Amino acid sequence: MNPASLPVGQRVNALVKALNGAKRTNEALARCSSGEEMLDVLLDASAKLGLGLTRQQLANTPPIRDWVWWKNKEALLTIGDNKPRYQQDGGQGKAEPAQPGEEAPRKRFLGLF
């Protein structure tokens, strides 16, 4: 069976499985300074495997879409003041330390309805 004839999701999954244990490719991905560089490496790997994935398909299909997002630190979704979620969290869910003798500020729950 020709791998290029599979649906995009299955081809991306085949690429991800092929990357598991591919030391040189994983090192190249780790050295990338941006998501675009990662896509170049992944396009090369896709071509070598005969998967025929395009840059657009890689950029829009999870989990590679999420890898590119993480490398670029660009939020797929923003909440609140148009700040990416990772910037809104600040301490990543950690409570702010209170001053000695002072109580930590309470978080307010406004409800969903």
PDB file of N, CA and C in Angstrom:
ATOM      1  N   MET A   1       0.846  -1.188   0.000  1.00  0.00           N
ATOM      2  CA  MET A   1       0.000   0.000   0.000  1.00  0.00           C
ATOM      3  C   MET A   1       0.888   1.247   0.000  1.00  0.00           C
ATOM      4  N   ASN A   2       0.505   2.216  -0.772  1.00  0.00           N
ATOM      5  CA  ASN A   2       1.245   3.468  -0.877  1.00  0.00           C
ATOM      6  C   ASN A   2       0.899   4.357   0.317  1.00  0.00           C
ATOM      7  N   PRO A   3       1.897   4.714   1.144  1.00  0.00           N
ATOM      8  CA  PRO A   3       1.596   5.546   2.318  1.00  0.00           C
ATOM      9  C   PRO A   3       1.014   6.909   1.965  1.00  0.00           C
ATOM     10  N   ALA A   4       1.338   7.428   0.797  1.00  0.00           N
ATOM     11  CA  ALA A   4       0.843   8.750   0.400  1.00  0.00           C
ATOM     12  C   ALA A   4      -0.656   8.731   0.114  1.00  0.00           C
ATOM     13  N   SER A   5      -1.242   7.530  -0.036  1.00  0.00           N
ATOM     14  CA  SER A   5      -2.678   7.441  -0.314  1.00  0.00           C
ATOM     15  C   SER A   5      -3.519   7.402   0.970  1.00  0.00           C
ATOM     16  N   LEU A   6      -2.867   7.321   2.122  1.00  0.00           N
ATOM     17  CA  LEU A   6      -3.578   7.300   3.402  1.00  0.00           C
ATOM     18  C   LEU A   6      -4.132   8.685   3.720  1.00  0.00           C
ATOM     19  N   PRO A   7      -5.161   8.760   4.579  1.00  0.00           N
ATOM     20  CA  PRO A   7      -5.637  10.082   5.019  1.00  0.00           C
ATOM     21  C   PRO A   7      -4.535  10.835   5.778  1.00  0.00           C
ATOM     22  N   VAL A   8      -4.654  12.145   5.812  1.00  0.00           N
ATOM     23  CA  VAL A   8      -3.626  13.002   6.410  1.00  0.00           C
ATOM     24  C   VAL A   8      -3.335  12.603   7.857  1.00  0.00           C
ATOM     25  N   GLY A   9      -4.370  12.384   8.648  1.00  0.00           N
ATOM     26  CA  GLY A   9      -4.178  12.027  10.054  1.00  0.00           C
ATOM     27  C   GLY A   9      -3.353  10.761  10.230  1.00  0.00           C
ATOM     28  N   GLN A  10      -3.597   9.766   9.386  1.00  0.00           N
ATOM     29  CA  GLN A  10      -2.830   8.514   9.470  1.00  0.00           C
ATOM     30  C   GLN A  10      -1.388   8.710   9.020  1.00  0.00           C
ATOM     31  N   ARG A  11      -1.187   9.563   8.011  1.00  0.00           N
ATOM     32  CA  ARG A  11       0.188   9.833   7.570  1.00  0.00           C
ATOM     33  C   ARG A  11       0.969  10.580   8.643  1.00  0.00           C
ATOM     34  N   VAL A  12       0.316  11.534   9.314  1.00  0.00           N
ATOM     35  CA  VAL A  12       0.980  12.263  10.402  1.00  0.00           C
ATOM     36  C   VAL A  12       1.310  11.291  11.542  1.00  0.00           C
ATOM     37  N   ASN A  13       0.374  10.407  11.872  1.00  0.00           N
ATOM     38  CA  ASN A  13       0.640   9.413  12.919  1.00  0.00           C
ATOM     39  C   ASN A  13       1.802   8.507  12.533  1.00  0.00           C
ATOM     40  N   ALA A  14       1.899   8.126  11.259  1.00  0.00           N
ATOM     41  CA  ALA A  14       3.023   7.307  10.803  1.00  0.00           C
ATOM     42  C   ALA A  14       4.338   8.068  10.948  1.00  0.00           C
ATOM     43  N   LEU A  15       4.316   9.359  10.650  1.00  0.00           N
ATOM     44  CA  LEU A  15       5.518  10.185  10.807  1.00  0.00           C
ATOM     45  C   LEU A  15       5.923  10.274  12.269  1.00  0.00           C
ATOM     46  N   VAL A  16       4.958  10.490  13.154  1.00  0.00           N
ATOM     47  CA  VAL A  16       5.252  10.590  14.587  1.00  0.00           C
ATOM     48  C   VAL A  16       5.838   9.274  15.096  1.00  0.00           C
ATOM     49  N   LYS A  17       5.274   8.144  14.665  1.00  0.00           N
ATOM     50  CA  LYS A  17       5.808   6.838  15.080  1.00  0.00           C
ATOM     51  C   LYS A  17       7.221   6.625  14.555  1.00  0.00           C
ATOM     52  N   ALA A  18       7.473   7.086  13.327  1.00  0.00           N
ATOM     53  CA  ALA A  18       8.816   6.944  12.749  1.00  0.00           C
ATOM     54  C   ALA A  18       9.831   7.809  13.492  1.00  0.00           C
ATOM     55  N   LEU A  19       9.379   8.938  14.046  1.00  0.00           N
ATOM     56  CA  LEU A  19      10.287   9.827  14.775  1.00  0.00           C
ATOM     57  C   LEU A  19      10.686   9.250  16.127  1.00  0.00           C
ATOM     58  N   ASN A  20       9.883   8.342  16.656  1.00  0.00           N
ATOM     59  CA  ASN A  20      10.178   7.725  17.944  1.00  0.00           C
ATOM     60  C   ASN A  20      11.436   6.866  17.797  1.00  0.00           C
ATOM     61  N   GLY A  21      12.519   7.304  18.399  1.00  0.00           N
ATOM     62  CA  GLY A  21      13.783   6.576  18.326  1.00  0.00           C
ATOM     63  C   GLY A  21      14.711   7.050  17.215  1.00  0.00           C
ATOM     64  N   ALA A  22      14.257   7.997  16.389  1.00  0.00           N
ATOM     65  CA  ALA A  22      15.101   8.537  15.318  1.00  0.00           C
ATOM     66  C   ALA A  22      15.988   9.622  15.924  1.00  0.00           C
ATOM     67  N   LYS A  23      17.148   9.216  16.398  1.00  0.00           N
ATOM     68  CA  LYS A  23      18.015  10.104  17.172  1.00  0.00           C
ATOM     69  C   LYS A  23      18.410  11.368  16.404  1.00  0.00           C
ATOM     70  N   ARG A  24      18.881  11.221  15.181  1.00  0.00           N
ATOM     71  CA  ARG A  24      19.361  12.394  14.426  1.00  0.00           C
ATOM     72  C   ARG A  24      18.229  13.376  14.125  1.00  0.00           C
ATOM     73  N   THR A  25      17.068  12.849  13.761  1.00  0.00           N
ATOM     74  CA  THR A  25      15.941  13.728  13.466  1.00  0.00           C
ATOM     75  C   THR A  25      15.487  14.453  14.717  1.00  0.00           C
ATOM     76  N   ASN A  26      15.426  13.742  15.831  1.00  0.00           N
ATOM     77  CA  ASN A  26      15.016  14.375  17.087  1.00  0.00           C
ATOM     78  C   ASN A  26      16.018  15.426  17.537  1.00  0.00           C
ATOM     79  N   GLU A  27      17.297  15.182  17.318  1.00  0.00           N
ATOM     80  CA  GLU A  27      18.308  16.190  17.653  1.00  0.00           C
ATOM     81  C   GLU A  27      18.150  17.419  16.756  1.00  0.00           C
ATOM     82  N   ALA A  28      17.855  17.192  15.481  1.00  0.00           N
ATOM     83  CA  ALA A  28      17.649  18.310  14.552  1.00  0.00           C
ATOM     84  C   ALA A  28      16.419  19.125  14.967  1.00  0.00           C
ATOM     85  N   LEU A  29      15.360  18.441  15.397  1.00  0.00           N
ATOM     86  CA  LEU A  29      14.157  19.152  15.859  1.00  0.00           C
ATOM     87  C   LEU A  29      14.450  19.959  17.112  1.00  0.00           C
ATOM     88  N   ALA A  30      15.258  19.410  17.996  1.00  0.00           N
ATOM     89  CA  ALA A  30      15.597  20.111  19.241  1.00  0.00           C
ATOM     90  C   ALA A  30      16.433  21.361  18.965  1.00  0.00           C
ATOM     91  N   ARG A  31      17.257  21.339  17.923  1.00  0.00           N
ATOM     92  CA  ARG A  31      18.104  22.492  17.594  1.00  0.00           C
ATOM     93  C   ARG A  31      17.335  23.604  16.882  1.00  0.00           C
ATOM     94  N   CYS A  32      16.159  23.328  16.394  1.00  0.00           N
ATOM     95  CA  CYS A  32      15.379  24.335  15.665  1.00  0.00           C
ATOM     96  C   CYS A  32      15.028  25.494  16.587  1.00  0.00           C
ATOM     97  N   SER A  33      15.157  26.697  16.050  1.00  0.00           N
ATOM     98  CA  SER A  33      14.851  27.878  16.861  1.00  0.00           C
ATOM     99  C   SER A  33      13.425  28.371  16.655  1.00  0.00           C
ATOM    100  N   SER A  34      12.726  27.821  15.662  1.00  0.00           N
ATOM    101  CA  SER A  34      11.342  28.248  15.425  1.00  0.00           C
ATOM    102  C   SER A  34      10.535  27.074  14.884  1.00  0.00           C
ATOM    103  N   GLY A  35       9.237  27.264  14.882  1.00  0.00           N
ATOM    104  CA  GLY A  35       8.348  26.250  14.351  1.00  0.00           C
ATOM    105  C   GLY A  35       8.537  26.039  12.861  1.00  0.00           C
ATOM    106  N   GLU A  36       8.886  27.103  12.136  1.00  0.00           N
ATOM    107  CA  GLU A  36       9.112  26.981  10.691  1.00  0.00           C
ATOM    108  C   GLU A  36      10.297  26.069  10.397  1.00  0.00           C
ATOM    109  N   GLU A  37      11.348  26.185  11.208  1.00  0.00           N
ATOM    110  CA  GLU A  37      12.504  25.299  11.037  1.00  0.00           C
ATOM    111  C   GLU A  37      12.112  23.861  11.342  1.00  0.00           C
ATOM    112  N   MET A  38      11.263  23.681  12.346  1.00  0.00           N
ATOM    113  CA  MET A  38      10.782  22.336  12.666  1.00  0.00           C
ATOM    114  C   MET A  38      10.008  21.749  11.485  1.00  0.00           C
ATOM    115  N   LEU A  39       9.172  22.570  10.861  1.00  0.00           N
ATOM    116  CA  LEU A  39       8.410  22.089   9.715  1.00  0.00           C
ATOM    117  C   LEU A  39       9.329  21.669   8.571  1.00  0.00           C
ATOM    118  N   ASP A  40      10.440  22.393   8.381  1.00  0.00           N
ATOM    119  CA  ASP A  40      11.407  22.008   7.342  1.00  0.00           C
ATOM    120  C   ASP A  40      11.970  20.618   7.618  1.00  0.00           C
ATOM    121  N   VAL A  41      12.348  20.363   8.861  1.00  0.00           N
ATOM    122  CA  VAL A  41      12.900  19.057   9.240  1.00  0.00           C
ATOM    123  C   VAL A  41      11.845  17.967   9.054  1.00  0.00           C
ATOM    124  N   LEU A  42      10.613  18.264   9.471  1.00  0.00           N
ATOM    125  CA  LEU A  42       9.537  17.275   9.365  1.00  0.00           C
ATOM    126  C   LEU A  42       9.140  17.015   7.915  1.00  0.00           C
ATOM    127  N   LEU A  43       9.195  18.044   7.069  1.00  0.00           N
ATOM    128  CA  LEU A  43       8.930  17.850   5.644  1.00  0.00           C
ATOM    129  C   LEU A  43       9.969  16.923   5.021  1.00  0.00           C
ATOM    130  N   ASP A  44      11.222  17.109   5.412  1.00  0.00           N
ATOM    131  CA  ASP A  44      12.296  16.250   4.914  1.00  0.00           C
ATOM    132  C   ASP A  44      12.074  14.803   5.358  1.00  0.00           C
ATOM    133  N   ALA A  45      11.699  14.621   6.622  1.00  0.00           N
ATOM    134  CA  ALA A  45      11.439  13.272   7.132  1.00  0.00           C
ATOM    135  C   ALA A  45      10.248  12.649   6.414  1.00  0.00           C
ATOM    136  N   SER A  46       9.213  13.435   6.165  1.00  0.00           N
ATOM    137  CA  SER A  46       8.038  12.946   5.447  1.00  0.00           C
ATOM    138  C   SER A  46       8.404  12.498   4.030  1.00  0.00           C
ATOM    139  N   ALA A  47       9.240  13.283   3.367  1.00  0.00           N
ATOM    140  CA  ALA A  47       9.660  12.938   2.007  1.00  0.00           C
ATOM    141  C   ALA A  47      10.473  11.641   1.997  1.00  0.00           C
ATOM    142  N   LYS A  48      11.366  11.478   2.965  1.00  0.00           N
ATOM    143  CA  LYS A  48      12.179  10.259   3.031  1.00  0.00           C
ATOM    144  C   LYS A  48      11.331   9.016   3.281  1.00  0.00           C
ATOM    145  N   LEU A  49      10.226   9.189   4.020  1.00  0.00           N
ATOM    146  CA  LEU A  49       9.326   8.069   4.309  1.00  0.00           C
ATOM    147  C   LEU A  49       8.289   7.860   3.207  1.00  0.00           C
ATOM    148  N   GLY A  50       8.232   8.771   2.247  1.00  0.00           N
ATOM    149  CA  GLY A  50       7.273   8.657   1.161  1.00  0.00           C
ATOM    150  C   GLY A  50       5.848   8.969   1.578  1.00  0.00           C
ATOM    151  N   LEU A  51       5.691   9.798   2.600  1.00  0.00           N
ATOM    152  CA  LEU A  51       4.358  10.124   3.100  1.00  0.00           C
ATOM    153  C   LEU A  51       3.681  11.243   2.317  1.00  0.00           C
ATOM    154  N   GLY A  52       4.460  12.075   1.657  1.00  0.00           N
ATOM    155  CA  GLY A  52       3.911  13.128   0.816  1.00  0.00           C
ATOM    156  C   GLY A  52       3.116  14.186   1.558  1.00  0.00           C
ATOM    157  N   LEU A  53       3.505  14.487   2.780  1.00  0.00           N
ATOM    158  CA  LEU A  53       2.819  15.528   3.546  1.00  0.00           C
ATOM    159  C   LEU A  53       3.288  16.909   3.109  1.00  0.00           C
ATOM    160  N   THR A  54       2.382  17.864   3.114  1.00  0.00           N
ATOM    161  CA  THR A  54       2.730  19.242   2.776  1.00  0.00           C
ATOM    162  C   THR A  54       2.964  20.034   4.060  1.00  0.00           C
ATOM    163  N   ARG A  55       3.569  21.178   3.917  1.00  0.00           N
ATOM    164  CA  ARG A  55       3.805  22.073   5.063  1.00  0.00           C
ATOM    165  C   ARG A  55       2.475  22.436   5.729  1.00  0.00           C
ATOM    166  N   GLN A  56       1.464  22.743   4.924  1.00  0.00           N
ATOM    167  CA  GLN A  56       0.156  23.117   5.444  1.00  0.00           C
ATOM    168  C   GLN A  56      -0.471  21.961   6.231  1.00  0.00           C
ATOM    169  N   GLN A  57      -0.372  20.743   5.717  1.00  0.00           N
ATOM    170  CA  GLN A  57      -0.932  19.591   6.420  1.00  0.00           C
ATOM    171  C   GLN A  57      -0.233  19.372   7.757  1.00  0.00           C
ATOM    172  N   LEU A  58       1.080  19.520   7.774  1.00  0.00           N
ATOM    173  CA  LEU A  58       1.820  19.350   9.020  1.00  0.00           C
ATOM    174  C   LEU A  58       1.460  20.442  10.027  1.00  0.00           C
ATOM    175  N   ALA A  59       1.331  21.660   9.540  1.00  0.00           N
ATOM    176  CA  ALA A  59       1.062  22.794  10.430  1.00  0.00           C
ATOM    177  C   ALA A  59      -0.355  22.767  11.003  1.00  0.00           C
ATOM    178  N   ASN A  60      -1.262  22.032  10.373  1.00  0.00           N
ATOM    179  CA  ASN A  60      -2.656  22.041  10.816  1.00  0.00           C
ATOM    180  C   ASN A  60      -3.115  20.743  11.466  1.00  0.00           C
ATOM    181  N   THR A  61      -2.249  19.750  11.569  1.00  0.00           N
ATOM    182  CA  THR A  61      -2.661  18.446  12.086  1.00  0.00           C
ATOM    183  C   THR A  61      -1.953  18.148  13.395  1.00  0.00           C
ATOM    184  N   PRO A  62      -2.726  17.829  14.461  1.00  0.00           N
ATOM    185  CA  PRO A  62      -2.097  17.457  15.728  1.00  0.00           C
ATOM    186  C   PRO A  62      -1.416  16.101  15.575  1.00  0.00           C
ATOM    187  N   PRO A  63      -0.367  15.809  16.281  1.00  0.00           N
ATOM    188  CA  PRO A  63       0.269  16.587  17.335  1.00  0.00           C
ATOM    189  C   PRO A  63       1.324  17.564  16.819  1.00  0.00           C
ATOM    190  N   ILE A  64       1.634  17.502  15.541  1.00  0.00           N
ATOM    191  CA  ILE A  64       2.694  18.369  15.007  1.00  0.00           C
ATOM    192  C   ILE A  64       2.284  19.838  15.116  1.00  0.00           C
ATOM    193  N   ARG A  65       1.007  20.132  14.884  1.00  0.00           N
ATOM    194  CA  ARG A  65       0.514  21.509  15.044  1.00  0.00           C
ATOM    195  C   ARG A  65       0.842  22.017  16.446  1.00  0.00           C
ATOM    196  N   ASP A  66       0.664  21.152  17.443  1.00  0.00           N
ATOM    197  CA  ASP A  66       0.925  21.537  18.824  1.00  0.00           C
ATOM    198  C   ASP A  66       2.416  21.698  19.092  1.00  0.00           C
ATOM    199  N   TRP A  67       3.245  20.890  18.458  1.00  0.00           N
ATOM    200  CA  TRP A  67       4.701  21.025  18.616  1.00  0.00           C
ATOM    201  C   TRP A  67       5.159  22.375  18.078  1.00  0.00           C
ATOM    202  N   VAL A  68       4.635  22.732  16.907  1.00  0.00           N
ATOM    203  CA  VAL A  68       5.001  24.013  16.284  1.00  0.00           C
ATOM    204  C   VAL A  68       4.527  25.160  17.161  1.00  0.00           C
ATOM    205  N   TRP A  69       3.299  25.047  17.680  1.00  0.00           N
ATOM    206  CA  TRP A  69       2.784  26.076  18.582  1.00  0.00           C
ATOM    207  C   TRP A  69       3.707  26.230  19.788  1.00  0.00           C
ATOM    208  N   TRP A  70       4.108  25.130  20.384  1.00  0.00           N
ATOM    209  CA  TRP A  70       4.945  25.199  21.586  1.00  0.00           C
ATOM    210  C   TRP A  70       6.299  25.825  21.263  1.00  0.00           C
ATOM    211  N   LYS A  71       6.863  25.477  20.122  1.00  0.00           N
ATOM    212  CA  LYS A  71       8.164  26.026  19.742  1.00  0.00           C
ATOM    213  C   LYS A  71       8.057  27.532  19.506  1.00  0.00           C
ATOM    214  N   ASN A  72       6.955  27.973  18.878  1.00  0.00           N
ATOM    215  CA  ASN A  72       6.766  29.398  18.595  1.00  0.00           C
ATOM    216  C   ASN A  72       6.189  30.165  19.771  1.00  0.00           C
ATOM    217  N   LYS A  73       5.663  29.447  20.758  1.00  0.00           N
ATOM    218  CA  LYS A  73       4.984  30.057  21.906  1.00  0.00           C
ATOM    219  C   LYS A  73       3.829  30.935  21.444  1.00  0.00           C
ATOM    220  N   GLU A  74       3.122  30.478  20.436  1.00  0.00           N
ATOM    221  CA  GLU A  74       1.954  31.185  19.931  1.00  0.00           C
ATOM    222  C   GLU A  74       0.718  30.409  20.351  1.00  0.00           C
ATOM    223  N   ALA A  75      -0.192  31.060  21.004  1.00  0.00           N
ATOM    224  CA  ALA A  75      -1.393  30.393  21.481  1.00  0.00           C
ATOM    225  C   ALA A  75      -2.346  30.101  20.337  1.00  0.00           C
ATOM    226  N   LEU A  76      -2.924  28.906  20.368  1.00  0.00           N
ATOM    227  CA  LEU A  76      -3.965  28.567  19.416  1.00  0.00           C
ATOM    228  C   LEU A  76      -5.264  29.269  19.783  1.00  0.00           C
ATOM    229  N   LEU A  77      -5.427  29.554  21.064  1.00  0.00           N
ATOM    230  CA  LEU A  77      -6.645  30.136  21.589  1.00  0.00           C
ATOM    231  C   LEU A  77      -6.272  31.152  22.651  1.00  0.00           C
ATOM    232  N   THR A  78      -6.899  32.279  22.631  1.00  0.00           N
ATOM    233  CA  THR A  78      -6.653  33.265  23.681  1.00  0.00           C
ATOM    234  C   THR A  78      -7.926  33.461  24.481  1.00  0.00           C
ATOM    235  N   ILE A  79      -7.755  33.796  25.729  1.00  0.00           N
ATOM    236  CA  ILE A  79      -8.868  34.004  26.638  1.00  0.00           C
ATOM    237  C   ILE A  79      -8.634  35.327  27.347  1.00  0.00           C
ATOM    238  N   GLY A  80      -9.659  36.087  27.551  1.00  0.00           N
ATOM    239  CA  GLY A  80      -9.517  37.305  28.332  1.00  0.00           C
ATOM    240  C   GLY A  80      -9.004  38.474  27.521  1.00  0.00           C
ATOM    241  N   ASP A  81      -7.906  39.037  27.926  1.00  0.00           N
ATOM    242  CA  ASP A  81      -7.368  40.272  27.354  1.00  0.00           C
ATOM    243  C   ASP A  81      -6.522  40.037  26.114  1.00  0.00           C
ATOM    244  N   ASN A  82      -6.896  39.084  25.299  1.00  0.00           N
ATOM    245  CA  ASN A  82      -6.148  38.731  24.094  1.00  0.00           C
ATOM    246  C   ASN A  82      -4.708  38.346  24.398  1.00  0.00           C
ATOM    247  N   LYS A  83      -4.466  37.868  25.600  1.00  0.00           N
ATOM    248  CA  LYS A  83      -3.149  37.357  25.942  1.00  0.00           C
ATOM    249  C   LYS A  83      -3.161  35.851  25.749  1.00  0.00           C
ATOM    250  N   PRO A  84      -2.105  35.289  25.197  1.00  0.00           N
ATOM    251  CA  PRO A  84      -2.055  33.834  25.113  1.00  0.00           C
ATOM    252  C   PRO A  84      -2.188  33.209  26.496  1.00  0.00           C
ATOM    253  N   ARG A  85      -2.758  32.049  26.550  1.00  0.00           N
ATOM    254  CA  ARG A  85      -3.056  31.386  27.821  1.00  0.00           C
ATOM    255  C   ARG A  85      -1.801  31.238  28.679  1.00  0.00           C
ATOM    256  N   TYR A  86      -0.655  30.902  28.077  1.00  0.00           N
ATOM    257  CA  TYR A  86       0.547  30.696  28.870  1.00  0.00           C
ATOM    258  C   TYR A  86       1.017  31.994  29.526  1.00  0.00           C
ATOM    259  N   GLN A  87       0.689  33.160  28.936  1.00  0.00           N
ATOM    260  CA  GLN A  87       1.064  34.436  29.557  1.00  0.00           C
ATOM    261  C   GLN A  87       0.081  34.822  30.643  1.00  0.00           C
ATOM    262  N   GLN A  88      -1.187  34.445  30.492  1.00  0.00           N
ATOM    263  CA  GLN A  88      -2.184  34.771  31.499  1.00  0.00           C
ATOM    264  C   GLN A  88      -1.895  34.019  32.787  1.00  0.00           C
ATOM    265  N   ASP A  89      -1.435  32.798  32.646  1.00  0.00           N
ATOM    266  CA  ASP A  89      -1.207  31.974  33.832  1.00  0.00           C
ATOM    267  C   ASP A  89      -0.056  32.486  34.672  1.00  0.00           C
ATOM    268  N   GLY A  90       0.881  33.160  34.059  1.00  0.00           N
ATOM    269  CA  GLY A  90       2.012  33.718  34.801  1.00  0.00           C
ATOM    270  C   GLY A  90       2.778  32.658  35.558  1.00  0.00           C
ATOM    271  N   GLY A  91       2.335  32.338  36.754  1.00  0.00           N
ATOM    272  CA  GLY A  91       3.018  31.365  37.597  1.00  0.00           C
ATOM    273  C   GLY A  91       2.625  29.939  37.297  1.00  0.00           C
ATOM    274  N   GLN A  92       1.930  29.729  36.191  1.00  0.00           N
ATOM    275  CA  GLN A  92       1.502  28.392  35.790  1.00  0.00           C
ATOM    276  C   GLN A  92       0.725  27.686  36.884  1.00  0.00           C
ATOM    277  N   GLY A  93      -0.229  28.384  37.473  1.00  0.00           N
ATOM    278  CA  GLY A  93      -1.115  27.790  38.456  1.00  0.00           C
ATOM    279  C   GLY A  93      -0.602  27.816  39.881  1.00  0.00           C
ATOM    280  N   LYS A  94       0.581  28.344  40.100  1.00  0.00           N
ATOM    281  CA  LYS A  94       1.126  28.419  41.451  1.00  0.00           C
ATOM    282  C   LYS A  94       0.554  29.640  42.163  1.00  0.00           C
ATOM    283  N   ALA A  95       0.263  29.466  43.419  1.00  0.00           N
ATOM    284  CA  ALA A  95      -0.259  30.584  44.206  1.00  0.00           C
ATOM    285  C   ALA A  95       0.845  31.613  44.415  1.00  0.00           C
ATOM    286  N   GLU A  96       0.452  32.869  44.395  1.00  0.00           N
ATOM    287  CA  GLU A  96       1.434  33.926  44.631  1.00  0.00           C
ATOM    288  C   GLU A  96       1.839  33.915  46.103  1.00  0.00           C
ATOM    289  N   PRO A  97       3.125  34.029  46.384  1.00  0.00           N
ATOM    290  CA  PRO A  97       3.543  33.999  47.787  1.00  0.00           C
ATOM    291  C   PRO A  97       3.078  35.257  48.516  1.00  0.00           C
ATOM    292  N   ALA A  98       2.602  35.052  49.701  1.00  0.00           N
ATOM    293  CA  ALA A  98       2.139  36.178  50.512  1.00  0.00           C
ATOM    294  C   ALA A  98       3.318  36.754  51.293  1.00  0.00           C
ATOM    295  N   GLN A  99       3.206  38.024  51.654  1.00  0.00           N
ATOM    296  CA  GLN A  99       4.221  38.648  52.491  1.00  0.00           C
ATOM    297  C   GLN A  99       4.124  38.025  53.881  1.00  0.00           C
ATOM    298  N   PRO A 100       5.206  38.017  54.628  1.00  0.00           N
ATOM    299  CA  PRO A 100       5.130  37.456  55.981  1.00  0.00           C
ATOM    300  C   PRO A 100       4.062  38.181  56.799  1.00  0.00           C
ATOM    301  N   GLY A 101       3.201  37.391  57.430  1.00  0.00           N
ATOM    302  CA  GLY A 101       2.132  37.960  58.246  1.00  0.00           C
ATOM    303  C   GLY A 101       0.921  38.384  57.431  1.00  0.00           C
ATOM    304  N   GLU A 102       0.946  38.150  56.135  1.00  0.00           N
ATOM    305  CA  GLU A 102      -0.135  38.549  55.261  1.00  0.00           C
ATOM    306  C   GLU A 102      -0.768  37.304  54.659  1.00  0.00           C
ATOM    307  N   GLU A 103      -2.052  37.345  54.456  1.00  0.00           N
ATOM    308  CA  GLU A 103      -2.758  36.211  53.874  1.00  0.00           C
ATOM    309  C   GLU A 103      -2.678  36.305  52.345  1.00  0.00           C
ATOM    310  N   ALA A 104      -2.578  35.159  51.673  1.00  0.00           N
ATOM    311  CA  ALA A 104      -2.524  35.144  50.206  1.00  0.00           C
ATOM    312  C   ALA A 104      -3.860  35.647  49.655  1.00  0.00           C
ATOM    313  N   PRO A 105      -3.823  36.384  48.550  1.00  0.00           N
ATOM    314  CA  PRO A 105      -5.074  36.901  47.989  1.00  0.00           C
ATOM    315  C   PRO A 105      -5.970  35.755  47.532  1.00  0.00           C
ATOM    316  N   ARG A 106      -7.282  35.926  47.774  1.00  0.00           N
ATOM    317  CA  ARG A 106      -8.247  34.911  47.368  1.00  0.00           C
ATOM    318  C   ARG A 106      -8.559  35.073  45.895  1.00  0.00           C
ATOM    319  N   LYS A 107      -8.739  33.947  45.244  1.00  0.00           N
ATOM    320  CA  LYS A 107      -9.152  33.977  43.853  1.00  0.00           C
ATOM    321  C   LYS A 107     -10.675  33.970  43.813  1.00  0.00           C
ATOM    322  N   ARG A 108     -11.234  34.766  42.924  1.00  0.00           N
ATOM    323  CA  ARG A 108     -12.684  34.869  42.841  1.00  0.00           C
ATOM    324  C   ARG A 108     -13.195  33.981  41.721  1.00  0.00           C
ATOM    325  N   PHE A 109     -14.262  33.276  41.987  1.00  0.00           N
ATOM    326  CA  PHE A 109     -14.915  32.451  40.995  1.00  0.00           C
ATOM    327  C   PHE A 109     -16.197  33.153  40.598  1.00  0.00           C
ATOM    328  N   LEU A 110     -16.308  33.484  39.324  1.00  0.00           N
ATOM    329  CA  LEU A 110     -17.464  34.233  38.877  1.00  0.00           C
ATOM    330  C   LEU A 110     -18.559  33.327  38.320  1.00  0.00           C
ATOM    331  N   GLY A 111     -18.302  32.052  38.209  1.00  0.00           N
ATOM    332  CA  GLY A 111     -19.304  31.115  37.731  1.00  0.00           C
ATOM    333  C   GLY A 111     -19.332  31.034  36.217  1.00  0.00           C
ATOM    334  N   LEU A 112     -20.049  30.069  35.736  1.00  0.00           N
ATOM    335  CA  LEU A 112     -20.117  29.850  34.299  1.00  0.00           C
ATOM    336  C   LEU A 112     -21.412  30.375  33.686  1.00  0.00           C
ATOM    337  N   PHE A 113     -22.386  30.691  34.515  1.00  0.00           N
ATOM    338  CA  PHE A 113     -23.684  31.111  33.992  1.00  0.00           C
ATOM    339  C   PHE A 113     -24.041  32.498  34.434  1.00  0.00           C
TER     340      PHE A 113
END
